[in-house]
Amino acid sequence: MPRRVKDFIDISEYTSLDDLIRYLETVRDNLPPEHQAELKIRGDEIFGRRLTITYFREQTPDEIELESKYSDGDKAAGASIEELRHKLDEVPFKLGKAKRG
């Protein structure tokens, strides 16, 4: 089942108001269904400020292929981590003062 990913669009601080309005309308009209778009101001005085639009979209076929390639390894790693956790649970542990050398 494909996941949804969060994507970003940055708008620099040097944009005229008319250009910004046209750009935002274009972005809004081309957002995917169920996008949950948000607009935030990010940055600071040193590196500059920008408007950032974040929205959710479905994964591309390339992203799905890459994720499936690496997710098989994740399952094996998750299983080995669980095995290690169980082994550590079996290690006897005694509370006491730490030794200082």
PDB file of N, CA and C in Angstrom:
ATOM      1  N   MET A   1       0.847  -1.170   0.000  1.00  0.00           N
ATOM      2  CA  MET A   1       0.000   0.000   0.000  1.00  0.00           C
ATOM      3  C   MET A   1       0.894   1.236   0.000  1.00  0.00           C
ATOM      4  N   PRO A   2       0.717   2.135  -0.958  1.00  0.00           N
ATOM      5  CA  PRO A   2       1.574   3.322  -1.014  1.00  0.00           C
ATOM      6  C   PRO A   2       1.285   4.277   0.141  1.00  0.00           C
ATOM      7  N   ARG A   3       2.352   4.878   0.606  1.00  0.00           N
ATOM      8  CA  ARG A   3       2.231   5.853   1.681  1.00  0.00           C
ATOM      9  C   ARG A   3       2.067   7.248   1.083  1.00  0.00           C
ATOM     10  N   ARG A   4       1.632   8.162   1.927  1.00  0.00           N
ATOM     11  CA  ARG A   4       1.611   9.562   1.540  1.00  0.00           C
ATOM     12  C   ARG A   4       2.849  10.216   2.116  1.00  0.00           C
ATOM     13  N   VAL A   5       3.423  11.131   1.362  1.00  0.00           N
ATOM     14  CA  VAL A   5       4.618  11.828   1.821  1.00  0.00           C
ATOM     15  C   VAL A   5       4.339  13.320   1.887  1.00  0.00           C
ATOM     16  N   LYS A   6       5.079  13.991   2.752  1.00  0.00           N
ATOM     17  CA  LYS A   6       4.926  15.433   2.893  1.00  0.00           C
ATOM     18  C   LYS A   6       5.894  16.112   1.935  1.00  0.00           C
ATOM     19  N   ASP A   7       5.399  17.048   1.165  1.00  0.00           N
ATOM     20  CA  ASP A   7       6.219  17.765   0.201  1.00  0.00           C
ATOM     21  C   ASP A   7       6.221  19.243   0.550  1.00  0.00           C
ATOM     22  N   PHE A   8       7.205  19.992   0.043  1.00  0.00           N
ATOM     23  CA  PHE A   8       7.379  21.390   0.386  1.00  0.00           C
ATOM     24  C   PHE A   8       7.517  22.241  -0.859  1.00  0.00           C
ATOM     25  N   ILE A   9       6.990  23.457  -0.800  1.00  0.00           N
ATOM     26  CA  ILE A   9       7.204  24.472  -1.829  1.00  0.00           C
ATOM     27  C   ILE A   9       7.638  25.726  -1.084  1.00  0.00           C
ATOM     28  N   ASP A  10       8.805  26.278  -1.433  1.00  0.00           N
ATOM     29  CA  ASP A  10       9.304  27.496  -0.796  1.00  0.00           C
ATOM     30  C   ASP A  10       9.114  28.682  -1.725  1.00  0.00           C
ATOM     31  N   ILE A  11       8.720  29.812  -1.147  1.00  0.00           N
ATOM     32  CA  ILE A  11       8.565  31.062  -1.881  1.00  0.00           C
ATOM     33  C   ILE A  11       9.481  32.072  -1.210  1.00  0.00           C
ATOM     34  N   SER A  12      10.383  32.687  -1.974  1.00  0.00           N
ATOM     35  CA  SER A  12      11.333  33.619  -1.373  1.00  0.00           C
ATOM     36  C   SER A  12      10.623  34.874  -0.890  1.00  0.00           C
ATOM     37  N   GLU A  13      11.318  35.656  -0.063  1.00  0.00           N
ATOM     38  CA  GLU A  13      10.703  36.859   0.480  1.00  0.00           C
ATOM     39  C   GLU A  13      10.642  37.995  -0.541  1.00  0.00           C
ATOM     40  N   TYR A  14      11.340  37.878  -1.652  1.00  0.00           N
ATOM     41  CA  TYR A  14      11.372  38.937  -2.656  1.00  0.00           C
ATOM     42  C   TYR A  14      10.398  38.642  -3.787  1.00  0.00           C
ATOM     43  N   THR A  15       9.122  38.754  -3.506  1.00  0.00           N
ATOM     44  CA  THR A  15       8.066  38.479  -4.475  1.00  0.00           C
ATOM     45  C   THR A  15       7.024  39.585  -4.365  1.00  0.00           C
ATOM     46  N   SER A  16       6.571  40.074  -5.520  1.00  0.00           N
ATOM     47  CA  SER A  16       5.523  41.095  -5.465  1.00  0.00           C
ATOM     48  C   SER A  16       4.212  40.463  -5.006  1.00  0.00           C
ATOM     49  N   LEU A  17       3.319  41.264  -4.467  1.00  0.00           N
ATOM     50  CA  LEU A  17       2.054  40.754  -3.950  1.00  0.00           C
ATOM     51  C   LEU A  17       1.225  40.120  -5.060  1.00  0.00           C
ATOM     52  N   ASP A  18       1.167  40.762  -6.231  1.00  0.00           N
ATOM     53  CA  ASP A  18       0.399  40.202  -7.345  1.00  0.00           C
ATOM     54  C   ASP A  18       0.964  38.859  -7.797  1.00  0.00           C
ATOM     55  N   ASP A  19       2.307  38.773  -7.878  1.00  0.00           N
ATOM     56  CA  ASP A  19       2.933  37.503  -8.261  1.00  0.00           C
ATOM     57  C   ASP A  19       2.659  36.431  -7.215  1.00  0.00           C
ATOM     58  N   LEU A  20       2.715  36.824  -5.953  1.00  0.00           N
ATOM     59  CA  LEU A  20       2.460  35.868  -4.872  1.00  0.00           C
ATOM     60  C   LEU A  20       1.036  35.326  -4.942  1.00  0.00           C
ATOM     61  N   ILE A  21       0.072  36.202  -5.161  1.00  0.00           N
ATOM     62  CA  ILE A  21      -1.327  35.774  -5.242  1.00  0.00           C
ATOM     63  C   ILE A  21      -1.522  34.815  -6.417  1.00  0.00           C
ATOM     64  N   ARG A  22      -0.971  35.158  -7.570  1.00  0.00           N
ATOM     65  CA  ARG A  22      -1.092  34.271  -8.746  1.00  0.00           C
ATOM     66  C   ARG A  22      -0.428  32.920  -8.471  1.00  0.00           C
ATOM     67  N   TYR A  23       0.744  32.956  -7.843  1.00  0.00           N
ATOM     68  CA  TYR A  23       1.470  31.725  -7.555  1.00  0.00           C
ATOM     69  C   TYR A  23       0.688  30.849  -6.585  1.00  0.00           C
ATOM     70  N   LEU A  24       0.152  31.455  -5.531  1.00  0.00           N
ATOM     71  CA  LEU A  24      -0.630  30.685  -4.550  1.00  0.00           C
ATOM     72  C   LEU A  24      -1.886  30.090  -5.171  1.00  0.00           C
ATOM     73  N   GLU A  25      -2.543  30.836  -6.058  1.00  0.00           N
ATOM     74  CA  GLU A  25      -3.721  30.295  -6.739  1.00  0.00           C
ATOM     75  C   GLU A  25      -3.342  29.111  -7.616  1.00  0.00           C
ATOM     76  N   THR A  26      -2.210  29.223  -8.314  1.00  0.00           N
ATOM     77  CA  THR A  26      -1.747  28.122  -9.167  1.00  0.00           C
ATOM     78  C   THR A  26      -1.430  26.888  -8.333  1.00  0.00           C
ATOM     79  N   VAL A  27      -0.738  27.097  -7.214  1.00  0.00           N
ATOM     80  CA  VAL A  27      -0.411  25.970  -6.335  1.00  0.00           C
ATOM     81  C   VAL A  27      -1.692  25.331  -5.821  1.00  0.00           C
ATOM     82  N   ARG A  28      -2.621  26.150  -5.336  1.00  0.00           N
ATOM     83  CA  ARG A  28      -3.884  25.624  -4.784  1.00  0.00           C
ATOM     84  C   ARG A  28      -4.644  24.808  -5.831  1.00  0.00           C
ATOM     85  N   ASP A  29      -4.703  25.305  -7.057  1.00  0.00           N
ATOM     86  CA  ASP A  29      -5.454  24.626  -8.112  1.00  0.00           C
ATOM     87  C   ASP A  29      -4.807  23.308  -8.543  1.00  0.00           C
ATOM     88  N   ASN A  30      -3.525  23.130  -8.255  1.00  0.00           N
ATOM     89  CA  ASN A  30      -2.818  21.925  -8.699  1.00  0.00           C
ATOM     90  C   ASN A  30      -2.470  20.965  -7.561  1.00  0.00           C
ATOM     91  N   LEU A  31      -2.969  21.222  -6.369  1.00  0.00           N
ATOM     92  CA  LEU A  31      -2.704  20.314  -5.255  1.00  0.00           C
ATOM     93  C   LEU A  31      -3.487  19.016  -5.426  1.00  0.00           C
ATOM     94  N   PRO A  32      -2.915  17.901  -4.981  1.00  0.00           N
ATOM     95  CA  PRO A  32      -3.619  16.624  -5.091  1.00  0.00           C
ATOM     96  C   PRO A  32      -4.796  16.578  -4.104  1.00  0.00           C
ATOM     97  N   PRO A  33      -5.738  15.656  -4.331  1.00  0.00           N
ATOM     98  CA  PRO A  33      -6.850  15.505  -3.377  1.00  0.00           C
ATOM     99  C   PRO A  33      -6.313  15.135  -1.998  1.00  0.00           C
ATOM    100  N   GLU A  34      -7.048  15.509  -0.962  1.00  0.00           N
ATOM    101  CA  GLU A  34      -6.664  15.181   0.422  1.00  0.00           C
ATOM    102  C   GLU A  34      -5.279  15.733   0.771  1.00  0.00           C
ATOM    103  N   HIS A  35      -4.950  16.905   0.307  1.00  0.00           N
ATOM    104  CA  HIS A  35      -3.602  17.457   0.433  1.00  0.00           C
ATOM    105  C   HIS A  35      -3.252  18.001   1.812  1.00  0.00           C
ATOM    106  N   GLN A  36      -4.210  18.495   2.568  1.00  0.00           N
ATOM    107  CA  GLN A  36      -3.978  19.074   3.897  1.00  0.00           C
ATOM    108  C   GLN A  36      -2.874  20.137   3.859  1.00  0.00           C
ATOM    109  N   ALA A  37      -2.952  21.055   2.897  1.00  0.00           N
ATOM    110  CA  ALA A  37      -1.915  22.070   2.707  1.00  0.00           C
ATOM    111  C   ALA A  37      -1.900  23.077   3.848  1.00  0.00           C
ATOM    112  N   GLU A  38      -0.686  23.544   4.170  1.00  0.00           N
ATOM    113  CA  GLU A  38      -0.476  24.571   5.192  1.00  0.00           C
ATOM    114  C   GLU A  38       0.520  25.582   4.656  1.00  0.00           C
ATOM    115  N   LEU A  39       0.376  26.835   5.071  1.00  0.00           N
ATOM    116  CA  LEU A  39       1.298  27.897   4.698  1.00  0.00           C
ATOM    117  C   LEU A  39       1.933  28.441   5.970  1.00  0.00           C
ATOM    118  N   LYS A  40       3.280  28.476   6.008  1.00  0.00           N
ATOM    119  CA  LYS A  40       3.996  28.964   7.187  1.00  0.00           C
ATOM    120  C   LYS A  40       5.106  29.915   6.745  1.00  0.00           C
ATOM    121  N   ILE A  41       5.469  30.819   7.638  1.00  0.00           N
ATOM    122  CA  ILE A  41       6.632  31.674   7.425  1.00  0.00           C
ATOM    123  C   ILE A  41       7.794  31.028   8.163  1.00  0.00           C
ATOM    124  N   ARG A  42       8.885  30.789   7.460  1.00  0.00           N
ATOM    125  CA  ARG A  42      10.057  30.139   8.056  1.00  0.00           C
ATOM    126  C   ARG A  42      11.291  31.017   7.860  1.00  0.00           C
ATOM    127  N   GLY A  43      12.325  30.734   8.618  1.00  0.00           N
ATOM    128  CA  GLY A  43      13.589  31.427   8.478  1.00  0.00           C
ATOM    129  C   GLY A  43      13.817  32.439   9.578  1.00  0.00           C
ATOM    130  N   ASP A  44      14.849  33.284   9.369  1.00  0.00           N
ATOM    131  CA  ASP A  44      15.191  34.306  10.347  1.00  0.00           C
ATOM    132  C   ASP A  44      15.838  35.487   9.649  1.00  0.00           C
ATOM    133  N   GLU A  45      16.302  36.467  10.442  1.00  0.00           N
ATOM    134  CA  GLU A  45      16.889  37.663   9.876  1.00  0.00           C
ATOM    135  C   GLU A  45      18.237  37.398   9.202  1.00  0.00           C
ATOM    136  N   ILE A  46      18.938  36.390   9.650  1.00  0.00           N
ATOM    137  CA  ILE A  46      20.270  36.097   9.122  1.00  0.00           C
ATOM    138  C   ILE A  46      20.184  35.394   7.769  1.00  0.00           C
ATOM    139  N   PHE A  47      19.413  34.338   7.697  1.00  0.00           N
ATOM    140  CA  PHE A  47      19.334  33.552   6.465  1.00  0.00           C
ATOM    141  C   PHE A  47      18.163  33.950   5.584  1.00  0.00           C
ATOM    142  N   GLY A  48      17.322  34.838   6.058  1.00  0.00           N
ATOM    143  CA  GLY A  48      16.174  35.290   5.286  1.00  0.00           C
ATOM    144  C   GLY A  48      14.926  34.503   5.627  1.00  0.00           C
ATOM    145  N   ARG A  49      13.812  35.112   5.310  1.00  0.00           N
ATOM    146  CA  ARG A  49      12.520  34.474   5.553  1.00  0.00           C
ATOM    147  C   ARG A  49      11.937  34.007   4.228  1.00  0.00           C
ATOM    148  N   ARG A  50      11.058  33.018   4.321  1.00  0.00           N
ATOM    149  CA  ARG A  50      10.373  32.528   3.129  1.00  0.00           C
ATOM    150  C   ARG A  50       9.034  31.949   3.552  1.00  0.00           C
ATOM    151  N   LEU A  51       8.119  31.944   2.627  1.00  0.00           N
ATOM    152  CA  LEU A  51       6.845  31.266   2.838  1.00  0.00           C
ATOM    153  C   LEU A  51       7.042  29.821   2.418  1.00  0.00           C
ATOM    154  N   THR A  52       6.554  28.903   3.219  1.00  0.00           N
ATOM    155  CA  THR A  52       6.669  27.485   2.890  1.00  0.00           C
ATOM    156  C   THR A  52       5.285  26.861   2.892  1.00  0.00           C
ATOM    157  N   ILE A  53       4.956  26.219   1.795  1.00  0.00           N
ATOM    158  CA  ILE A  53       3.701  25.482   1.676  1.00  0.00           C
ATOM    159  C   ILE A  53       4.052  24.005   1.853  1.00  0.00           C
ATOM    160  N   THR A  54       3.404  23.351   2.786  1.00  0.00           N
ATOM    161  CA  THR A  54       3.584  21.909   2.965  1.00  0.00           C
ATOM    162  C   THR A  54       2.261  21.228   2.642  1.00  0.00           C
ATOM    163  N   TYR A  55       2.345  20.069   2.012  1.00  0.00           N
ATOM    164  CA  TYR A  55       1.145  19.312   1.664  1.00  0.00           C
ATOM    165  C   TYR A  55       1.498  17.842   1.527  1.00  0.00           C
ATOM    166  N   PHE A  56       0.480  17.006   1.616  1.00  0.00           N
ATOM    167  CA  PHE A  56       0.664  15.571   1.453  1.00  0.00           C
ATOM    168  C   PHE A  56       0.310  15.155   0.039  1.00  0.00           C
ATOM    169  N   ARG A  57       1.055  14.190  -0.470  1.00  0.00           N
ATOM    170  CA  ARG A  57       0.806  13.626  -1.799  1.00  0.00           C
ATOM    171  C   ARG A  57       1.119  12.139  -1.764  1.00  0.00           C
ATOM    172  N   GLU A  58       0.609  11.426  -2.753  1.00  0.00           N
ATOM    173  CA  GLU A  58       0.925  10.006  -2.883  1.00  0.00           C
ATOM    174  C   GLU A  58       2.363   9.855  -3.363  1.00  0.00           C
ATOM    175  N   GLN A  59       2.985   8.744  -3.039  1.00  0.00           N
ATOM    176  CA  GLN A  59       4.341   8.485  -3.506  1.00  0.00           C
ATOM    177  C   GLN A  59       4.354   8.289  -5.014  1.00  0.00           C
ATOM    178  N   THR A  60       5.466   8.669  -5.632  1.00  0.00           N
ATOM    179  CA  THR A  60       5.651   8.409  -7.059  1.00  0.00           C
ATOM    180  C   THR A  60       6.035   6.940  -7.233  1.00  0.00           C
ATOM    181  N   PRO A  61       5.894   6.401  -8.445  1.00  0.00           N
ATOM    182  CA  PRO A  61       6.319   5.003  -8.669  1.00  0.00           C
ATOM    183  C   PRO A  61       7.787   4.770  -8.307  1.00  0.00           C
ATOM    184  N   ASP A  62       8.662   5.736  -8.590  1.00  0.00           N
ATOM    185  CA  ASP A  62      10.076   5.583  -8.230  1.00  0.00           C
ATOM    186  C   ASP A  62      10.256   5.506  -6.719  1.00  0.00           C
ATOM    187  N   GLU A  63       9.522   6.330  -5.975  1.00  0.00           N
ATOM    188  CA  GLU A  63       9.613   6.305  -4.515  1.00  0.00           C
ATOM    189  C   GLU A  63       9.093   4.989  -3.954  1.00  0.00           C
ATOM    190  N   ILE A  64       8.032   4.476  -4.528  1.00  0.00           N
ATOM    191  CA  ILE A  64       7.480   3.186  -4.087  1.00  0.00           C
ATOM    192  C   ILE A  64       8.489   2.075  -4.323  1.00  0.00           C
ATOM    193  N   GLU A  65       9.140   2.098  -5.493  1.00  0.00           N
ATOM    194  CA  GLU A  65      10.131   1.076  -5.819  1.00  0.00           C
ATOM    195  C   GLU A  65      11.313   1.129  -4.846  1.00  0.00           C
ATOM    196  N   LEU A  66      11.814   2.340  -4.576  1.00  0.00           N
ATOM    197  CA  LEU A  66      12.931   2.477  -3.638  1.00  0.00           C
ATOM    198  C   LEU A  66      12.544   2.018  -2.240  1.00  0.00           C
ATOM    199  N   GLU A  67      11.353   2.385  -1.801  1.00  0.00           N
ATOM    200  CA  GLU A  67      10.927   1.985  -0.460  1.00  0.00           C
ATOM    201  C   GLU A  67      10.788   0.476  -0.361  1.00  0.00           C
ATOM    202  N   SER A  68      10.240  -0.151  -1.391  1.00  0.00           N
ATOM    203  CA  SER A  68      10.074  -1.611  -1.339  1.00  0.00           C
ATOM    204  C   SER A  68      11.430  -2.302  -1.347  1.00  0.00           C
ATOM    205  N   LYS A  69      12.400  -1.717  -2.038  1.00  0.00           N
ATOM    206  CA  LYS A  69      13.739  -2.300  -2.089  1.00  0.00           C
ATOM    207  C   LYS A  69      14.376  -2.309  -0.704  1.00  0.00           C
ATOM    208  N   TYR A  70      14.186  -1.248   0.049  1.00  0.00           N
ATOM    209  CA  TYR A  70      14.836  -1.141   1.353  1.00  0.00           C
ATOM    210  C   TYR A  70      13.971  -1.612   2.514  1.00  0.00           C
ATOM    211  N   SER A  71      12.673  -1.725   2.323  1.00  0.00           N
ATOM    212  CA  SER A  71      11.811  -2.128   3.435  1.00  0.00           C
ATOM    213  C   SER A  71      11.998  -3.596   3.787  1.00  0.00           C
ATOM    214  N   ASP A  72      12.413  -4.432   2.831  1.00  0.00           N
ATOM    215  CA  ASP A  72      12.679  -5.839   3.147  1.00  0.00           C
ATOM    216  C   ASP A  72      13.800  -5.951   4.171  1.00  0.00           C
ATOM    217  N   GLY A  73      14.822  -5.140   4.045  1.00  0.00           N
ATOM    218  CA  GLY A  73      15.919  -5.131   5.003  1.00  0.00           C
ATOM    219  C   GLY A  73      15.469  -4.637   6.361  1.00  0.00           C
ATOM    220  N   ASP A  74      14.521  -3.695   6.375  1.00  0.00           N
ATOM    221  CA  ASP A  74      14.005  -3.170   7.638  1.00  0.00           C
ATOM    222  C   ASP A  74      13.316  -4.256   8.444  1.00  0.00           C
ATOM    223  N   LYS A  75      12.586  -5.141   7.777  1.00  0.00           N
ATOM    224  CA  LYS A  75      11.882  -6.215   8.482  1.00  0.00           C
ATOM    225  C   LYS A  75      12.880  -7.157   9.139  1.00  0.00           C
ATOM    226  N   ALA A  76      13.951  -7.494   8.406  1.00  0.00           N
ATOM    227  CA  ALA A  76      14.977  -8.377   8.963  1.00  0.00           C
ATOM    228  C   ALA A  76      15.696  -7.699  10.115  1.00  0.00           C
ATOM    229  N   ALA A  77      15.990  -6.410   9.964  1.00  0.00           N
ATOM    230  CA  ALA A  77      16.668  -5.677  11.036  1.00  0.00           C
ATOM    231  C   ALA A  77      15.770  -5.580  12.258  1.00  0.00           C
ATOM    232  N   GLY A  78      14.479  -5.362  12.037  1.00  0.00           N
ATOM    233  CA  GLY A  78      13.535  -5.289  13.152  1.00  0.00           C
ATOM    234  C   GLY A  78      13.473  -6.594  13.908  1.00  0.00           C
ATOM    235  N   ALA A  79      13.518  -7.713  13.179  1.00  0.00           N
ATOM    236  CA  ALA A  79      13.486  -9.030  13.825  1.00  0.00           C
ATOM    237  C   ALA A  79      14.754  -9.245  14.637  1.00  0.00           C
ATOM    238  N   SER A  80      15.914  -8.881  14.098  1.00  0.00           N
ATOM    239  CA  SER A  80      17.155  -9.098  14.837  1.00  0.00           C
ATOM    240  C   SER A  80      17.228  -8.175  16.052  1.00  0.00           C
ATOM    241  N   ILE A  81      16.674  -6.992  15.975  1.00  0.00           N
ATOM    242  CA  ILE A  81      16.637  -6.096  17.129  1.00  0.00           C
ATOM    243  C   ILE A  81      15.771  -6.699  18.224  1.00  0.00           C
ATOM    244  N   GLU A  82      14.649  -7.283  17.844  1.00  0.00           N
ATOM    245  CA  GLU A  82      13.788  -7.938  18.835  1.00  0.00           C
ATOM    246  C   GLU A  82      14.516  -9.107  19.500  1.00  0.00           C
ATOM    247  N   GLU A  83      15.268  -9.876  18.719  1.00  0.00           N
ATOM    248  CA  GLU A  83      16.034 -10.989  19.291  1.00  0.00           C
ATOM    249  C   GLU A  83      17.051 -10.463  20.303  1.00  0.00           C
ATOM    250  N   LEU A  84      17.745  -9.392  19.961  1.00  0.00           N
ATOM    251  CA  LEU A  84      18.717  -8.808  20.876  1.00  0.00           C
ATOM    252  C   LEU A  84      18.040  -8.298  22.144  1.00  0.00           C
ATOM    253  N   ARG A  85      16.886  -7.688  21.995  1.00  0.00           N
ATOM    254  CA  ARG A  85      16.162  -7.169  23.157  1.00  0.00           C
ATOM    255  C   ARG A  85      15.798  -8.312  24.107  1.00  0.00           C
ATOM    256  N   HIS A  86      15.324  -9.428  23.532  1.00  0.00           N
ATOM    257  CA  HIS A  86      14.981 -10.581  24.372  1.00  0.00           C
ATOM    258  C   HIS A  86      16.217 -11.144  25.067  1.00  0.00           C
ATOM    259  N   LYS A  87      17.352 -11.192  24.372  1.00  0.00           N
ATOM    260  CA  LYS A  87      18.581 -11.681  24.993  1.00  0.00           C
ATOM    261  C   LYS A  87      19.009 -10.762  26.135  1.00  0.00           C
ATOM    262  N   LEU A  88      18.900  -9.459  25.921  1.00  0.00           N
ATOM    263  CA  LEU A  88      19.272  -8.510  26.971  1.00  0.00           C
ATOM    264  C   LEU A  88      18.339  -8.617  28.176  1.00  0.00           C
ATOM    265  N   ASP A  89      17.066  -8.925  27.921  1.00  0.00           N
ATOM    266  CA  ASP A  89      16.125  -9.097  29.030  1.00  0.00           C
ATOM    267  C   ASP A  89      16.520 -10.264  29.917  1.00  0.00           C
ATOM    268  N   GLU A  90      17.230 -11.242  29.369  1.00  0.00           N
ATOM    269  CA  GLU A  90      17.625 -12.427  30.119  1.00  0.00           C
ATOM    270  C   GLU A  90      18.937 -12.239  30.882  1.00  0.00           C
ATOM    271  N   VAL A  91      19.660 -11.162  30.616  1.00  0.00           N
ATOM    272  CA  VAL A  91      20.937 -10.919  31.298  1.00  0.00           C
ATOM    273  C   VAL A  91      20.649 -10.535  32.749  1.00  0.00           C
ATOM    274  N   PRO A  92      21.290 -11.235  33.708  1.00  0.00           N
ATOM    275  CA  PRO A  92      21.056 -10.895  35.120  1.00  0.00           C
ATOM    276  C   PRO A  92      21.618  -9.506  35.429  1.00  0.00           C
ATOM    277  N   PHE A  93      20.873  -8.759  36.196  1.00  0.00           N
ATOM    278  CA  PHE A  93      21.276  -7.397  36.540  1.00  0.00           C
ATOM    279  C   PHE A  93      21.074  -7.186  38.026  1.00  0.00           C
ATOM    280  N   LYS A  94      22.091  -6.649  38.681  1.00  0.00           N
ATOM    281  CA  LYS A  94      22.019  -6.412  40.112  1.00  0.00           C
ATOM    282  C   LYS A  94      22.230  -4.935  40.373  1.00  0.00           C
ATOM    283  N   LEU A  95      21.298  -4.328  41.085  1.00  0.00           N
ATOM    284  CA  LEU A  95      21.422  -2.919  41.415  1.00  0.00           C
ATOM    285  C   LEU A  95      22.498  -2.763  42.481  1.00  0.00           C
ATOM    286  N   GLY A  96      23.313  -1.765  42.330  1.00  0.00           N
ATOM    287  CA  GLY A  96      24.346  -1.506  43.312  1.00  0.00           C
ATOM    288  C   GLY A  96      25.042  -0.202  42.971  1.00  0.00           C
ATOM    289  N   LYS A  97      26.024   0.126  43.769  1.00  0.00           N
ATOM    290  CA  LYS A  97      26.765   1.348  43.521  1.00  0.00           C
ATOM    291  C   LYS A  97      27.723   1.144  42.362  1.00  0.00           C
ATOM    292  N   ALA A  98      27.874   2.203  41.590  1.00  0.00           N
ATOM    293  CA  ALA A  98      28.812   2.127  40.468  1.00  0.00           C
ATOM    294  C   ALA A  98      30.234   2.155  40.987  1.00  0.00           C
ATOM    295  N   LYS A  99      31.092   1.380  40.369  1.00  0.00           N
ATOM    296  CA  LYS A  99      32.496   1.368  40.756  1.00  0.00           C
ATOM    297  C   LYS A  99      33.214   2.514  40.085  1.00  0.00           C
ATOM    298  N   ARG A 100      33.995   3.222  40.854  1.00  0.00           N
ATOM    299  CA  ARG A 100      34.773   4.335  40.284  1.00  0.00           C
ATOM    300  C   ARG A 100      36.238   3.948  40.315  1.00  0.00           C
ATOM    301  N   GLY A 101      36.873   4.167  39.161  1.00  0.00           N
ATOM    302  CA  GLY A 101      38.240   3.705  39.072  1.00  0.00           C
ATOM    303  C   GLY A 101      39.198   4.765  39.143  1.00  0.00           C
TER     304      GLY A 101
END
